């Protein structure tokens, strides 16, 4: 069981690498809906209405901002670090919910974020440049994949 929960921590980190705020938003919703139990832990606040509202709002803003031409590349230091932190937060929450070490979940979430950021960047770059697809089309498809993946991960935990 521990391996499965830690794999989910890595996977939710991957989601953060694709869209940094989708991962904590999904975990927050999962906690609020009772799919995961963070009660009595240091991350209990993630299941609060305020956390759900804030993470959801910011995740929606990110979906829009991702399509703007001035949005920095996800693999540059600032955006990559924020993905690692948010992936680590989401990974720690899933580890806690699975009665695992939160630090290990955080590390795996951060590692997953790095993998997701570079994999997502490469996939998007190659789909746009080699297949001559419009960037916005690939970006919207990536949004949908990210949301579905986040849902499947938190629903599995």
Protein backbone atom coordinates (compact mmCIF):
# COMPACT_ATOMS: atom_id res chain seq x y z
CA UNK A 1 0.00 0.00 0.00
CA UNK A 2 2.81 2.42 0.82
CA UNK A 3 4.25 2.10 -2.67
CA UNK A 4 0.92 2.96 -4.27
CA UNK A 5 0.44 6.10 -2.18
CA UNK A 6 3.97 7.25 -2.87
CA UNK A 7 3.45 6.62 -6.59
CA UNK A 8 0.40 8.87 -6.34
CA UNK A 9 2.57 11.54 -4.70
CA UNK A 10 4.97 11.34 -7.65
CA UNK A 11 2.04 11.43 -10.08
CA UNK A 12 0.40 14.48 -8.49
CA UNK A 13 3.80 16.15 -8.74
CA UNK A 14 3.82 15.34 -12.45
CA UNK A 15 0.48 17.16 -12.68
CA UNK A 16 2.05 20.19 -10.98
CA UNK A 17 4.77 20.09 -13.62
CA UNK A 18 2.12 20.44 -16.31
CA UNK A 19 -0.05 23.02 -14.52
CA UNK A 20 1.36 24.08 -11.17
CA UNK A 21 -1.89 24.97 -9.42
CA UNK A 22 -4.02 22.10 -10.69
CA UNK A 23 -2.29 19.68 -8.30
CA UNK A 24 -3.00 21.54 -5.04
CA UNK A 25 -6.49 22.46 -6.28
CA UNK A 26 -7.28 18.79 -6.90
CA UNK A 27 -5.90 17.74 -3.52
CA UNK A 28 -7.84 20.53 -1.84
CA UNK A 29 -11.08 19.42 -3.49
CA UNK A 30 -10.34 15.78 -2.56
CA UNK A 31 -9.88 16.77 1.09
CA UNK A 32 -13.01 18.92 1.09
CA UNK A 33 -15.07 16.12 -0.47
CA UNK A 34 -13.75 13.53 1.98
CA UNK A 35 -11.89 11.50 -0.64
CA UNK A 36 -8.70 11.95 1.39
CA UNK A 37 -8.42 12.57 5.12
CA UNK A 38 -6.19 15.40 6.26
CA UNK A 39 -8.07 16.05 9.51
CA UNK A 40 -5.79 16.44 12.50
CA UNK A 41 -2.69 16.96 10.33
CA UNK A 42 -0.62 20.03 9.55
CA UNK A 43 -2.24 20.14 6.11
CA UNK A 44 -5.84 20.01 7.36
CA UNK A 45 -6.35 23.54 6.01
CA UNK A 46 -6.16 22.22 2.43
CA UNK A 47 -9.70 20.86 2.82
CA UNK A 48 -11.14 24.19 3.90
CA UNK A 49 -13.55 26.15 1.74
CA UNK A 50 -11.06 29.00 1.59
CA UNK A 51 -8.29 26.73 0.30
CA UNK A 52 -10.60 25.15 -2.26
CA UNK A 53 -11.72 28.58 -3.48
CA UNK A 54 -8.22 30.07 -3.61
CA UNK A 55 -6.53 27.10 -5.27
CA UNK A 56 -9.40 26.69 -7.75
CA UNK A 57 -9.39 30.38 -8.67
CA UNK A 58 -5.63 30.43 -9.11
CA UNK A 59 -5.72 27.21 -11.14
CA UNK A 60 -8.28 28.76 -13.49
CA UNK A 61 -6.15 31.89 -13.82
CA UNK A 62 -3.16 29.71 -14.66
CA UNK A 63 -5.11 27.97 -17.43
CA UNK A 64 -5.71 31.39 -19.01
CA UNK A 65 -2.22 32.78 -18.32
CA UNK A 66 -0.59 29.74 -19.91
CA UNK A 67 -1.92 30.82 -23.29
CA UNK A 68 -0.51 34.36 -23.09
CA UNK A 69 2.64 35.15 -25.09
CA UNK A 70 4.51 36.74 -22.16
CA UNK A 71 4.07 33.75 -19.84
CA UNK A 72 7.54 32.44 -18.95
CA UNK A 73 8.63 28.97 -19.91
CA UNK A 74 7.78 26.37 -17.25
CA UNK A 75 11.34 25.08 -17.22
CA UNK A 76 12.95 28.41 -16.27
CA UNK A 77 14.09 28.62 -12.64
CA UNK A 78 11.19 30.63 -11.15
CA UNK A 79 8.28 28.71 -12.66
CA UNK A 80 10.09 25.39 -12.17
CA UNK A 81 10.71 26.10 -8.49
CA UNK A 82 7.06 27.04 -7.93
CA UNK A 83 5.99 23.79 -9.62
CA UNK A 84 8.33 21.85 -7.36
CA UNK A 85 6.98 23.55 -4.22
CA UNK A 86 3.33 23.09 -5.22
CA UNK A 87 3.97 19.52 -6.37
CA UNK A 88 5.71 18.90 -3.06
CA UNK A 89 2.76 20.30 -1.13
CA UNK A 90 0.29 18.12 -3.04
CA UNK A 91 2.57 15.08 -2.74
CA UNK A 92 2.97 15.59 1.02
CA UNK A 93 -0.81 15.80 1.42
CA UNK A 94 -1.35 12.53 -0.44
CA UNK A 95 1.40 10.87 1.58
CA UNK A 96 -0.20 12.05 4.82
CA UNK A 97 -3.60 10.84 3.68
CA UNK A 98 -2.00 7.46 2.97
CA UNK A 99 -0.29 7.35 6.39
CA UNK A 100 3.15 7.77 4.86
CA UNK A 101 5.99 10.15 5.62
CA UNK A 102 5.03 13.64 4.41
CA UNK A 103 8.66 14.54 3.67
CA UNK A 104 8.96 11.60 1.30
CA UNK A 105 5.68 12.59 -0.37
CA UNK A 106 6.96 16.16 -0.71
CA UNK A 107 10.23 15.03 -2.29
CA UNK A 108 8.41 12.72 -4.70
CA UNK A 109 5.91 15.47 -5.54
CA UNK A 110 8.78 17.84 -6.28
CA UNK A 111 10.59 15.27 -8.42
CA UNK A 112 7.34 14.53 -10.25
CA UNK A 113 6.94 18.25 -10.93
CA UNK A 114 10.36 18.45 -12.56
CA UNK A 115 9.56 15.40 -14.70
CA UNK A 116 6.16 16.80 -15.64
CA UNK A 117 7.53 20.26 -16.46
CA UNK A 118 10.19 18.97 -18.83
CA UNK A 119 8.01 16.21 -20.33
CA UNK A 120 5.14 18.64 -20.85
CA UNK A 121 7.42 21.24 -22.39
CA UNK A 122 8.98 18.73 -24.78
CA UNK A 123 5.63 17.23 -25.77
CA UNK A 124 4.11 20.64 -26.44
CA UNK A 125 7.17 21.87 -28.32
CA UNK A 126 7.28 18.82 -30.59
CA UNK A 127 3.53 18.73 -31.23
CA UNK A 128 3.57 22.39 -32.24
CA UNK A 129 6.78 22.34 -34.29
CA UNK A 130 6.82 18.90 -35.85
CA UNK A 131 3.11 18.33 -36.40
CA UNK A 132 2.46 22.03 -37.10
CA UNK A 133 -0.38 22.19 -34.59
CA UNK A 134 -1.39 25.54 -33.14
CA UNK A 135 0.11 26.15 -29.71
CA UNK A 136 -3.25 27.07 -28.22
CA UNK A 137 -4.75 23.79 -29.44
CA UNK A 138 -1.99 21.78 -27.81
CA UNK A 139 -2.20 23.90 -24.65
CA UNK A 140 -5.95 23.32 -24.29
CA UNK A 141 -5.46 19.59 -24.84
CA UNK A 142 -2.74 19.64 -22.18
CA UNK A 143 -5.14 21.45 -19.82
CA UNK A 144 -7.77 18.74 -20.28
CA UNK A 145 -5.27 15.92 -19.84
CA UNK A 146 -3.92 17.58 -16.69
CA UNK A 147 -7.36 18.01 -15.15
CA UNK A 148 -8.40 14.43 -15.90
CA UNK A 149 -5.09 13.08 -14.62
CA UNK A 150 -5.40 15.10 -11.40
CA UNK A 151 -8.93 13.83 -10.86
CA UNK A 152 -7.90 10.21 -11.40
CA UNK A 153 -4.98 10.54 -9.01
CA UNK A 154 -6.91 12.10 -6.12
CA UNK A 155 -9.87 9.79 -6.66
CA UNK A 156 -7.50 6.80 -6.46
CA UNK A 157 -5.93 7.88 -3.18
